[in-house]
Amino acid sequence: MMKRIFSIILSLSLLATGLCACTGSSDSSDTHYDGTPPHSEGEPTVPVTDTAASEETEAPATEAPTEAVTVDPAVLEAEKQAKMKEIYESTPAVPLPIGGWSTPASALRDGYTGTEGSYDRVWATLAESGVNFMITLEEWSSGSWPLESLSSAKKAGLTLWYNCAGMSADYNAEKLASLLASPDADALGAVYVKDEPSFDGIRETADLITAARESLGETSIPVLGNLLPTYAPSDWVGGDYRTYVRTYLETAKPDILMFDFYPYQKGGDNIPNMVVNNAIAKEEADRAGVPLYTYVQTSADSSYREPTVEELQMNVHLDLAMGAKGIAYFLLCEHYAGWEYSSMIDAEGNKTPMFDTVQTVNGRIAAMKGVYLGYDCKGLIVCNYKGISNALSRAGCTTELDTYKHLAAAETNQRDKVAIGCFENAAGDVGYYVVNLTYKGEGSVDLTFDGEMDYRLWSGEGLSDLGTAETLKVKLGAGEGVFIQVSPAHTEF
């Protein structure tokens, strides 16, 4: 597990949050926290004097001796850990949709291997990595493959996104009818009609989405395509990326807006432009009232490199901090031996080193229990990363904020680069998704609130900290992200 040190400036009101029972109200043998001794019910609270003597000379009142209260830090810490454990166990997990492109190699199907259950086994391996849905590749080309993949996905506890890109509406209707008639139909998670349509292909994509919905009838599953990134050739997106995204949403009306952006190039990265792509997509998704999903790079080819654990988790956390409600890795399974893309599972069904990277990041994300999914991203505070701020400004994005709600200021040193997603839910509760944009070293940020705040900090280790503070120093590992729920001191979350 990642080593974490959270330095917190706490007020004495921490003891009133229920973390410590040493308030003096529950045990008459203890002194009150303010240092005065307890008194029994009905006992007078002022010294008793002799009334006869007091008529002549009133004796001066004397204060009872006070005794300093020393609270054992180990006791406080034990109570805090117990409280965190109680909250963590009582918080229901809301799984983040985590998928991948694409399904395992067809050569691993039982009919080719001659081994019963061979395809099921590779799907079970996929599930071990922490993904919960997979997008098909060439299943459209066979009458049985879509059903085999659907069955294997269900056995592994995953859902299947049927990819019918490139096929006619009538052909797609045939395949969807077969999938819906299957006893495994409840594992069908979405219909993916088009991958990266150009601006000129938006109308065709809209027709395919409409036809797919008609084929699904009353079956309520998302229908969508996947858009090009901002670095696509200008003429492919009609000259203006925001217009391309907005036209697609208004014309095709997908249930999910999804796009891919791969930042880790050989020799560098493209984080500022990825943030711009996220920002435009989120602003337009909000305008259309649909959730945003992003692809996340896990693969290398002639131009791109495989990300490290720190790079991958930074990519995932940054997408989530900007409001993504689901992610899909590109790519997870090798299509055939010697394919141009590296993978997490090769064409023979074996794990590659990328498997451990993906599994590690997915495990850390799962530990956060999806608490951020109940909130919506309202903007992004960027600390000490001029490249991002300048790129957002040039793109005309309204995403970047200086402060938000309870957060009055966020400060880093000259080296650290941090992004803070500003979140709010329907009830008005506030949270902050803090991401270390430096994936080669640790970072920190000082959060100053507009008053004392109760907070809960969720990380790759679960519920990692809670307390009350007006200023909170958050230390982050390389590429790490945390979600912090805040509420004015002594109010309920």
Protein backbone atom coordinates (compact mmCIF):
# COMPACT_ATOMS: atom_id res chain seq x y z
CA MET A 1 0.00 0.00 0.00
CA MET A 2 1.15 3.53 -0.62
CA LYS A 3 2.84 5.31 2.23
CA ARG A 4 0.89 8.37 3.27
CA ILE A 5 1.45 11.12 5.76
CA PHE A 6 -1.27 13.67 6.22
CA SER A 7 -0.25 16.70 8.25
CA ILE A 8 -3.35 18.33 9.63
CA ILE A 9 -3.90 21.56 11.48
CA LEU A 10 -6.67 20.52 13.81
CA SER A 11 -8.76 22.59 16.16
CA LEU A 12 -9.62 21.30 19.62
CA SER A 13 -13.13 20.74 18.31
CA LEU A 14 -11.87 17.41 16.93
CA LEU A 15 -12.61 15.94 20.33
CA ALA A 16 -16.26 16.90 19.94
CA THR A 17 -16.72 15.03 16.68
CA GLY A 18 -17.22 11.70 18.41
CA LEU A 19 -13.64 10.55 17.86
CA CYS A 20 -12.87 10.88 21.56
CA ALA A 21 -15.13 10.08 24.48
CA CYS A 22 -13.06 12.14 26.92
CA THR A 23 -15.53 15.02 27.24
CA GLY A 24 -16.13 14.57 30.98
CA SER A 25 -19.84 13.99 30.53
CA SER A 26 -19.93 10.23 30.59
CA ASP A 27 -17.69 9.30 33.52
CA SER A 28 -17.97 11.10 36.84
CA SER A 29 -14.44 10.06 37.75
CA ASP A 30 -13.01 12.15 34.95
CA THR A 31 -12.59 15.89 34.90
CA HIS A 32 -14.35 18.00 32.28
CA TYR A 33 -12.34 18.89 29.19
CA ASP A 34 -12.24 22.54 30.40
CA GLY A 35 -10.40 21.38 33.51
CA THR A 36 -13.20 21.72 36.07
CA PRO A 37 -14.21 18.72 38.18
CA PRO A 38 -17.56 17.03 37.50
CA HIS A 39 -20.52 17.32 39.85
CA SER A 40 -23.31 14.92 40.59
CA GLU A 41 -26.87 15.54 39.49
CA GLY A 42 -28.55 17.94 41.93
CA GLU A 43 -25.25 18.98 43.53
CA PRO A 44 -24.82 22.77 43.77
CA THR A 45 -22.37 24.28 41.37
CA VAL A 46 -21.11 27.02 43.72
CA PRO A 47 -19.33 26.62 47.08
CA VAL A 48 -21.71 26.29 50.12
CA THR A 49 -21.09 28.79 52.93
CA ASP A 50 -22.42 29.08 56.58
CA THR A 51 -25.30 31.59 56.33
CA ALA A 52 -25.01 32.71 59.95
CA ALA A 53 -21.36 33.48 59.63
CA SER A 54 -21.89 35.12 56.32
CA GLU A 55 -24.12 37.77 57.87
CA GLU A 56 -21.09 39.12 59.69
CA THR A 57 -18.23 38.31 57.37
CA GLU A 58 -18.63 36.71 53.99
CA ALA A 59 -15.83 34.28 53.42
CA PRO A 60 -14.10 34.71 50.08
CA ALA A 61 -14.99 32.08 47.53
CA THR A 62 -12.22 29.73 46.67
CA GLU A 63 -11.84 27.83 43.42
CA ALA A 64 -11.42 24.12 43.50
CA PRO A 65 -7.99 23.10 42.36
CA THR A 66 -7.87 22.17 38.71
CA GLU A 67 -5.86 19.44 37.15
CA ALA A 68 -4.55 19.52 33.59
CA VAL A 69 -6.08 16.91 31.34
CA THR A 70 -3.64 14.82 29.41
CA VAL A 71 -5.10 12.81 26.57
CA ASP A 72 -3.03 9.87 25.46
CA PRO A 73 -2.36 10.32 21.71
CA ALA A 74 -2.47 6.57 21.27
CA VAL A 75 -6.01 6.48 22.67
CA LEU A 76 -7.10 9.29 20.34
CA GLU A 77 -5.57 7.53 17.38
CA ALA A 78 -7.21 4.22 18.27
CA GLU A 79 -10.61 5.93 18.55
CA LYS A 80 -10.05 7.66 15.24
CA GLN A 81 -9.12 4.43 13.49
CA ALA A 82 -12.18 2.70 14.95
CA LYS A 83 -14.39 5.53 13.72
CA MET A 84 -12.89 5.36 10.22
CA LYS A 85 -13.35 1.60 10.13
CA GLU A 86 -17.01 2.00 11.15
CA ILE A 87 -17.65 4.62 8.46
CA TYR A 88 -15.81 2.65 5.78
CA GLU A 89 -17.70 -0.56 6.48
CA SER A 90 -21.06 1.21 6.52
CA THR A 91 -20.41 3.08 3.24
CA PRO A 92 -21.89 1.15 0.30
CA ALA A 93 -19.53 0.64 -2.63
CA VAL A 94 -20.64 2.22 -5.90
CA PRO A 95 -18.48 0.57 -8.59
CA LEU A 96 -16.93 2.85 -11.17
CA PRO A 97 -17.65 1.48 -14.67
CA ILE A 98 -14.18 0.31 -15.76
CA GLY A 99 -13.92 -1.37 -19.13
CA GLY A 100 -11.54 -2.12 -21.92
CA TRP A 101 -11.13 -2.48 -25.64
CA SER A 102 -11.29 -5.19 -26.77
CA THR A 103 -12.40 -8.75 -26.01
CA PRO A 104 -9.83 -11.60 -25.92
CA ALA A 105 -8.38 -13.02 -29.12
CA SER A 106 -10.72 -15.23 -31.07
CA ALA A 107 -7.95 -17.87 -31.29
CA LEU A 108 -8.62 -18.53 -27.60
CA ARG A 109 -12.22 -19.63 -28.20
CA ASP A 110 -13.01 -23.24 -27.37
CA GLY A 111 -13.60 -24.10 -31.01
CA TYR A 112 -10.04 -23.15 -31.91
CA THR A 113 -8.20 -24.40 -28.85
CA GLY A 114 -10.11 -27.66 -28.64
CA THR A 115 -10.26 -27.14 -24.88
CA GLU A 116 -13.58 -26.70 -23.16
CA GLY A 117 -13.70 -23.55 -21.06
CA SER A 118 -10.57 -21.97 -22.56
CA TYR A 119 -12.40 -18.76 -23.47
CA ASP A 120 -14.13 -18.58 -20.10
CA ARG A 121 -10.75 -18.79 -18.39
CA VAL A 122 -9.29 -15.77 -20.16
CA TRP A 123 -12.42 -13.80 -19.26
CA ALA A 124 -11.91 -14.80 -15.64
CA THR A 125 -8.38 -13.39 -15.94
CA LEU A 126 -9.84 -10.13 -17.24
CA ALA A 127 -12.10 -9.95 -14.20
CA GLU A 128 -9.07 -10.39 -11.91
CA SER A 129 -7.70 -7.11 -13.24
CA GLY A 130 -10.67 -5.18 -11.85
CA VAL A 131 -12.48 -4.31 -15.07
CA ASN A 132 -16.24 -4.79 -15.16
CA PHE A 133 -17.12 -4.42 -18.86
CA MET A 134 -15.48 -5.17 -22.20
CA ILE A 135 -16.07 -3.81 -25.71
CA THR A 136 -16.18 -6.38 -28.51
CA LEU A 137 -13.93 -6.31 -31.58
CA GLU A 138 -14.75 -8.77 -34.35
CA GLU A 139 -17.73 -10.58 -32.85
CA TRP A 140 -19.91 -9.03 -35.55
CA SER A 141 -18.25 -11.31 -38.13
CA SER A 142 -19.66 -14.55 -36.71
CA GLY A 143 -23.04 -15.94 -35.83
CA SER A 144 -21.81 -17.59 -32.62
CA TRP A 145 -19.04 -15.32 -31.35
CA PRO A 146 -21.31 -12.59 -29.95
CA LEU A 147 -23.17 -15.20 -27.91
CA GLU A 148 -19.96 -16.89 -26.76
CA SER A 149 -18.52 -13.57 -25.61
CA LEU A 150 -21.77 -12.66 -23.86
CA SER A 151 -21.80 -16.00 -22.04
CA SER A 152 -18.14 -15.75 -20.99
CA ALA A 153 -18.61 -12.16 -19.82
CA LYS A 154 -21.57 -13.13 -17.66
CA LYS A 155 -19.72 -16.06 -16.09
CA ALA A 156 -16.86 -13.71 -15.20
CA GLY A 157 -19.23 -11.14 -13.69
CA LEU A 158 -18.65 -8.61 -16.47
CA THR A 159 -20.96 -6.94 -18.97
CA LEU A 160 -20.45 -6.86 -22.72
CA TRP A 161 -20.59 -3.76 -24.89
CA TYR A 162 -21.48 -5.01 -28.37
CA ASN A 163 -19.46 -3.14 -30.99
CA CYS A 164 -21.29 -3.09 -34.34
CA ALA A 165 -19.21 -0.30 -35.88
CA GLY A 166 -19.00 -0.47 -39.66
CA MET A 167 -22.10 -2.63 -40.11
CA SER A 168 -25.46 -1.69 -41.58
CA ALA A 169 -28.49 -1.03 -39.39
CA ASP A 170 -30.22 -4.18 -40.66
CA TYR A 171 -27.19 -6.35 -39.94
CA ASN A 172 -26.91 -4.84 -36.48
CA ALA A 173 -30.58 -5.53 -35.82
CA GLU A 174 -30.00 -9.21 -36.58
CA LYS A 175 -27.13 -9.46 -34.10
CA LEU A 176 -28.94 -7.54 -31.40
CA ALA A 177 -32.00 -9.76 -31.75
CA SER A 178 -29.77 -12.79 -31.20
CA LEU A 179 -28.15 -11.26 -28.13
CA LEU A 180 -31.48 -10.21 -26.62
CA ALA A 181 -32.86 -13.73 -27.10
CA SER A 182 -29.91 -15.25 -25.25
CA PRO A 183 -30.33 -16.51 -21.66
CA ASP A 184 -27.34 -14.27 -20.93
CA ALA A 185 -29.03 -11.12 -22.26
CA ASP A 186 -28.83 -9.37 -18.90
CA ALA A 187 -25.04 -9.18 -19.39
CA LEU A 188 -25.44 -6.93 -22.45
CA GLY A 189 -24.25 -3.58 -21.13
CA ALA A 190 -24.30 -1.23 -24.11
CA VAL A 191 -24.36 -0.99 -27.91
CA TYR A 192 -21.39 0.74 -29.51
CA VAL A 193 -22.34 1.79 -33.04
CA LYS A 194 -19.38 3.79 -34.29
CA ASP A 195 -15.75 4.40 -33.42
CA GLU A 196 -14.40 7.89 -34.07
CA PRO A 197 -16.78 9.24 -36.71
CA SER A 198 -15.58 12.26 -38.63
CA PHE A 199 -17.68 15.41 -38.70
CA ASP A 200 -19.14 14.25 -42.02
CA GLY A 201 -20.01 10.87 -40.46
CA ILE A 202 -22.13 12.26 -37.64
CA ARG A 203 -25.39 11.94 -39.56
CA GLU A 204 -24.70 8.26 -40.27
CA THR A 205 -23.86 7.70 -36.61
CA ALA A 206 -27.15 9.31 -35.61
CA ASP A 207 -29.06 6.96 -37.92
CA LEU A 208 -27.26 3.92 -36.47
CA ILE A 209 -28.05 5.01 -32.90
CA THR A 210 -31.72 5.47 -33.78
CA ALA A 211 -31.88 2.07 -35.46
CA ALA A 212 -30.13 0.35 -32.56
CA ARG A 213 -32.62 1.83 -30.10
CA GLU A 214 -35.47 0.52 -32.22
CA SER A 215 -33.89 -2.94 -32.25
CA LEU A 216 -33.51 -2.88 -28.46
CA GLY A 217 -37.19 -2.03 -27.97
CA GLU A 218 -37.92 -1.66 -24.28
CA THR A 219 -34.49 -2.92 -23.25
CA SER A 220 -32.92 0.03 -21.50
CA ILE A 221 -29.18 -0.01 -22.17
CA PRO A 222 -26.97 2.82 -23.42
CA VAL A 223 -26.33 3.32 -27.14
CA LEU A 224 -23.32 5.39 -28.13
CA GLY A 225 -20.37 6.01 -30.39
CA ASN A 226 -16.84 7.17 -29.53
CA LEU A 227 -15.43 10.50 -30.69
CA LEU A 228 -12.08 11.57 -32.04
CA PRO A 229 -9.70 13.49 -29.73
CA THR A 230 -8.62 17.10 -30.08
CA TYR A 231 -5.40 16.07 -31.85
CA ALA A 232 -7.31 14.57 -34.80
CA PRO A 233 -6.70 16.37 -38.12
CA SER A 234 -8.73 19.57 -38.27
CA ASP A 235 -10.66 18.58 -41.39
CA TRP A 236 -11.77 15.34 -39.69
CA VAL A 237 -13.55 17.31 -36.98
CA GLY A 238 -14.91 20.01 -39.28
CA GLY A 239 -12.38 22.65 -38.28
CA ASP A 240 -13.50 23.24 -34.69
CA TYR A 241 -13.46 20.57 -32.01
CA ARG A 242 -16.18 22.00 -29.77
CA THR A 243 -18.52 22.34 -32.76
CA TYR A 244 -17.75 18.71 -33.66
CA VAL A 245 -18.67 17.49 -30.16
CA ARG A 246 -21.78 19.65 -29.90
CA THR A 247 -23.03 18.67 -33.36
CA TYR A 248 -22.60 15.00 -32.51
CA LEU A 249 -24.53 15.35 -29.25
CA GLU A 250 -27.34 17.36 -30.80
CA THR A 251 -27.64 15.17 -33.91
CA ALA A 252 -26.87 11.64 -32.71
CA LYS A 253 -28.20 12.04 -29.15
CA PRO A 254 -26.07 9.26 -27.59
CA ASP A 255 -26.75 8.07 -24.06
CA ILE A 256 -23.07 8.54 -23.14
CA LEU A 257 -20.46 10.93 -24.51
CA MET A 258 -17.20 9.02 -24.94
CA PHE A 259 -13.87 9.96 -26.49
CA ASP A 260 -10.27 8.82 -26.44
CA PHE A 261 -7.11 10.77 -25.74
CA TYR A 262 -3.71 9.13 -25.25
CA PRO A 263 -1.21 11.46 -23.52
CA TYR A 264 1.93 9.35 -23.10
CA GLN A 265 3.98 9.75 -26.23
CA LYS A 266 7.50 8.50 -26.65
CA GLY A 267 9.71 11.26 -25.31
CA GLY A 268 7.08 13.20 -23.38
CA ASP A 269 3.44 13.68 -22.51
CA ASN A 270 0.51 15.81 -23.58
CA ILE A 271 -1.29 16.43 -20.28
CA PRO A 272 -2.38 20.07 -20.91
CA ASN A 273 -4.18 19.15 -24.13
CA MET A 274 -5.76 16.11 -22.48
CA VAL A 275 -7.19 18.45 -19.83
CA VAL A 276 -8.60 20.67 -22.61
CA ASN A 277 -10.19 17.63 -24.28
CA ASN A 278 -11.74 16.60 -20.95
CA ALA A 279 -12.95 20.15 -20.32
CA ILE A 280 -14.64 20.60 -23.70
CA ALA A 281 -16.23 17.15 -23.48
CA LYS A 282 -17.50 17.74 -19.93
CA GLU A 283 -18.91 21.18 -20.73
CA GLU A 284 -20.73 19.83 -23.78
CA ALA A 285 -21.90 16.67 -21.99
CA ASP A 286 -23.38 18.83 -19.24
CA ARG A 287 -25.11 20.96 -21.86
CA ALA A 288 -26.62 17.81 -23.41
CA GLY A 289 -27.41 16.18 -20.05
CA VAL A 290 -25.42 12.97 -20.61
CA PRO A 291 -22.57 11.35 -18.62
CA LEU A 292 -18.96 11.47 -19.81
CA TYR A 293 -16.75 8.39 -20.27
CA THR A 294 -13.10 8.47 -21.31
CA TYR A 295 -10.63 6.04 -22.78
CA VAL A 296 -7.39 5.69 -20.81
CA GLN A 297 -4.07 4.72 -22.39
CA THR A 298 -2.56 1.37 -21.37
CA SER A 299 -0.93 0.43 -24.66
CA ALA A 300 2.20 1.25 -26.63
CA ASP A 301 2.77 1.36 -30.36
CA SER A 302 5.26 3.04 -32.68
CA SER A 303 4.39 6.51 -31.33
CA TYR A 304 3.19 5.91 -27.77
CA ARG A 305 4.71 4.29 -24.70
CA GLU A 306 3.19 2.08 -22.03
CA PRO A 307 2.44 4.11 -18.90
CA THR A 308 3.91 3.28 -15.51
CA VAL A 309 1.65 2.66 -12.51
CA GLU A 310 2.07 6.30 -11.49
CA GLU A 311 1.32 7.61 -14.99
CA LEU A 312 -1.72 5.38 -15.36
CA GLN A 313 -3.20 6.31 -12.01
CA MET A 314 -2.63 10.01 -12.70
CA ASN A 315 -4.51 9.67 -15.99
CA VAL A 316 -7.41 7.87 -14.31
CA HIS A 317 -7.59 10.25 -11.33
CA LEU A 318 -7.41 13.34 -13.54
CA ASP A 319 -10.26 12.07 -15.73
CA LEU A 320 -12.34 11.34 -12.63
CA ALA A 321 -11.44 14.71 -11.08
CA MET A 322 -12.83 16.35 -14.21
CA GLY A 323 -16.14 14.53 -13.98
CA ALA A 324 -15.80 11.27 -15.93
CA LYS A 325 -18.37 8.71 -14.77
CA GLY A 326 -16.67 5.74 -16.41
CA ILE A 327 -13.41 4.76 -18.12
CA ALA A 328 -12.23 2.20 -20.66
CA TYR A 329 -8.63 1.14 -21.19
CA PHE A 330 -7.09 1.03 -24.65
CA LEU A 331 -6.15 -1.67 -25.06
CA LEU A 332 -6.31 -4.77 -22.88
CA CYS A 333 -6.24 -7.84 -25.13
CA GLU A 334 -3.94 -8.61 -28.04
CA HIS A 335 -5.91 -9.40 -31.17
CA TYR A 336 -3.28 -11.68 -32.68
CA ALA A 337 0.38 -12.46 -31.99
CA GLY A 338 2.64 -9.62 -33.11
CA TRP A 339 -0.13 -7.02 -33.25
CA GLU A 340 1.13 -3.44 -33.41
CA TYR A 341 -0.25 -2.60 -29.95
CA SER A 342 1.04 -3.89 -26.63
CA SER A 343 -1.55 -5.37 -24.28
CA MET A 344 -2.45 -6.56 -20.80
CA ILE A 345 -3.31 -10.11 -21.98
CA ASP A 346 -1.53 -11.49 -25.02
CA ALA A 347 -2.95 -13.53 -27.88
CA GLU A 348 -2.22 -16.75 -26.00
CA GLY A 349 -4.14 -15.62 -22.92
CA ASN A 350 -1.07 -14.86 -20.80
CA LYS A 351 -0.71 -11.86 -18.51
CA THR A 352 1.87 -9.25 -19.45
CA PRO A 353 3.53 -6.79 -17.01
CA MET A 354 0.76 -4.30 -17.86
CA PHE A 355 -1.71 -6.62 -16.12
CA ASP A 356 -0.18 -5.84 -12.73
CA THR A 357 -0.19 -2.11 -13.52
CA VAL A 358 -3.88 -2.11 -14.42
CA GLN A 359 -4.81 -4.35 -11.50
CA THR A 360 -2.94 -2.11 -9.05
CA VAL A 361 -4.62 1.07 -10.26
CA ASN A 362 -8.06 -0.55 -10.36
CA GLY A 363 -7.59 -1.80 -6.81
CA ARG A 364 -6.74 1.67 -5.57
CA ILE A 365 -9.76 3.14 -7.34
CA ALA A 366 -12.03 0.44 -5.90
CA ALA A 367 -10.81 1.26 -2.37
CA MET A 368 -12.41 4.71 -2.69
CA LYS A 369 -15.82 2.99 -2.96
CA GLY A 370 -16.99 5.39 -5.67
CA VAL A 371 -17.96 8.07 -3.13
CA TYR A 372 -17.19 10.74 -5.75
CA LEU A 373 -19.76 9.29 -8.16
CA GLY A 374 -22.59 10.75 -6.08
CA TYR A 375 -21.22 14.22 -6.87
CA ASP A 376 -20.82 16.20 -10.08
CA CYS A 377 -17.74 18.13 -11.15
CA LYS A 378 -18.38 21.87 -11.31
CA GLY A 379 -14.90 22.99 -12.31
CA LEU A 380 -11.17 22.59 -11.83
CA ILE A 381 -8.64 24.52 -9.75
CA VAL A 382 -5.14 24.29 -11.25
CA CYS A 383 -2.16 24.89 -8.97
CA ASN A 384 1.22 25.79 -10.44
CA TYR A 385 0.73 24.30 -13.93
CA LYS A 386 0.71 27.20 -16.37
CA GLY A 387 0.65 24.89 -19.37
CA ILE A 388 -2.81 23.67 -18.37
CA SER A 389 -4.14 27.12 -17.47
CA ASN A 390 -2.92 28.59 -20.76
CA ALA A 391 -4.31 25.71 -22.81
CA LEU A 392 -7.75 26.02 -21.15
CA SER A 393 -7.78 29.75 -21.79
CA ARG A 394 -6.84 29.37 -25.47
CA ALA A 395 -9.61 26.78 -25.94
CA GLY A 396 -12.23 29.11 -24.43
CA CYS A 397 -13.07 26.68 -21.64
CA THR A 398 -14.93 27.90 -18.56
CA THR A 399 -13.68 24.98 -16.48
CA GLU A 400 -10.92 26.63 -14.47
CA LEU A 401 -11.84 28.18 -11.11
CA ASP A 402 -9.92 30.13 -8.47
CA THR A 403 -11.99 29.00 -5.48
CA TYR A 404 -15.12 26.95 -4.94
CA LYS A 405 -17.65 26.94 -2.07
CA HIS A 406 -15.81 26.19 1.20
CA LEU A 407 -12.35 26.16 -0.39
CA ALA A 408 -10.98 29.69 -0.08
CA ALA A 409 -7.43 28.98 -1.26
CA ALA A 410 -5.17 26.19 -2.49
CA GLU A 411 -1.41 26.66 -2.41
CA THR A 412 1.58 24.57 -3.46
CA ASN A 413 5.29 25.18 -3.50
CA GLN A 414 7.06 26.14 -6.72
CA ARG A 415 7.73 22.53 -7.68
CA ASP A 416 4.45 20.73 -7.07
CA LYS A 417 1.67 20.68 -9.65
CA VAL A 418 -1.83 19.83 -8.43
CA ALA A 419 -5.34 19.82 -9.91
CA ILE A 420 -8.45 19.99 -7.75
CA GLY A 421 -11.81 18.92 -9.11
CA CYS A 422 -14.59 20.88 -7.39
CA PHE A 423 -17.60 18.67 -6.73
CA GLU A 424 -21.13 19.11 -5.42
CA ASN A 425 -24.09 16.75 -5.13
CA ALA A 426 -27.83 17.35 -5.44
CA ALA A 427 -28.12 18.03 -1.70
CA GLY A 428 -25.46 20.74 -1.86
CA ASP A 429 -22.74 18.67 -0.19
CA VAL A 430 -19.23 19.55 -1.36
CA GLY A 431 -16.14 17.52 -2.18
CA TYR A 432 -12.72 18.10 -3.71
CA TYR A 433 -10.86 15.59 -5.90
CA VAL A 434 -7.17 16.40 -5.46
CA VAL A 435 -4.66 14.99 -7.97
CA ASN A 436 -0.88 15.13 -8.02
CA LEU A 437 -0.05 15.96 -11.64
CA THR A 438 3.57 15.04 -11.01
CA TYR A 439 3.86 11.33 -11.73
CA LYS A 440 7.58 11.18 -11.00
CA GLY A 441 7.51 12.31 -7.39
CA GLU A 442 5.47 13.22 -4.35
CA GLY A 443 3.54 16.46 -4.07
CA SER A 444 1.44 18.39 -1.60
CA VAL A 445 -1.10 21.18 -1.42
CA ASP A 446 -2.40 23.33 1.45
CA LEU A 447 -6.17 23.71 1.39
CA THR A 448 -7.56 26.69 3.32
CA PHE A 449 -11.29 26.68 4.01
CA ASP A 450 -13.62 29.52 4.91
CA GLY A 451 -13.98 28.14 8.44
CA GLU A 452 -13.51 24.93 10.36
CA MET A 453 -14.56 21.93 8.29
CA ASP A 454 -15.22 18.33 9.16
CA TYR A 455 -13.60 16.25 6.45
CA ARG A 456 -13.24 12.69 5.25
CA LEU A 457 -10.38 11.78 2.96
CA TRP A 458 -10.74 8.82 0.59
CA SER A 459 -7.70 7.37 -1.15
CA GLY A 460 -6.31 4.19 -2.64
CA GLU A 461 -6.13 2.89 0.93
CA GLY A 462 -9.82 3.49 1.62
CA LEU A 463 -10.98 6.07 4.15
CA SER A 464 -7.52 7.34 5.07
CA ASP A 465 -8.22 10.27 7.34
CA LEU A 466 -10.94 12.33 8.99
CA GLY A 467 -11.12 15.19 11.42
CA THR A 468 -11.81 18.90 11.70
CA ALA A 469 -9.57 21.58 10.23
CA GLU A 470 -9.51 25.07 8.81
CA THR A 471 -6.29 24.41 6.92
CA LEU A 472 -5.47 20.96 5.61
CA LYS A 473 -2.15 19.87 4.14
CA VAL A 474 -2.65 17.01 1.71
CA LYS A 475 0.42 14.98 0.80
CA LEU A 476 0.19 12.85 -2.33
CA GLY A 477 2.26 10.08 -3.83
CA ALA A 478 3.40 10.26 -7.45
CA GLY A 479 0.32 10.58 -9.68
CA GLU A 480 -1.97 9.96 -6.73
CA GLY A 481 -5.49 11.30 -6.32
CA VAL A 482 -7.76 11.58 -3.27
CA PHE A 483 -11.37 12.66 -2.77
CA ILE A 484 -12.15 14.84 0.24
CA GLN A 485 -15.71 15.27 1.52
CA VAL A 486 -16.13 18.43 3.57
CA SER A 487 -18.88 19.89 5.73
CA PRO A 488 -19.00 22.84 8.16
CA ALA A 489 -17.72 21.67 11.54
CA HIS A 490 -20.04 19.53 13.62
CA THR A 491 -22.69 19.12 10.94
CA GLU A 492 -23.75 15.80 9.48
CA PHE A 493 -22.27 14.51 6.24
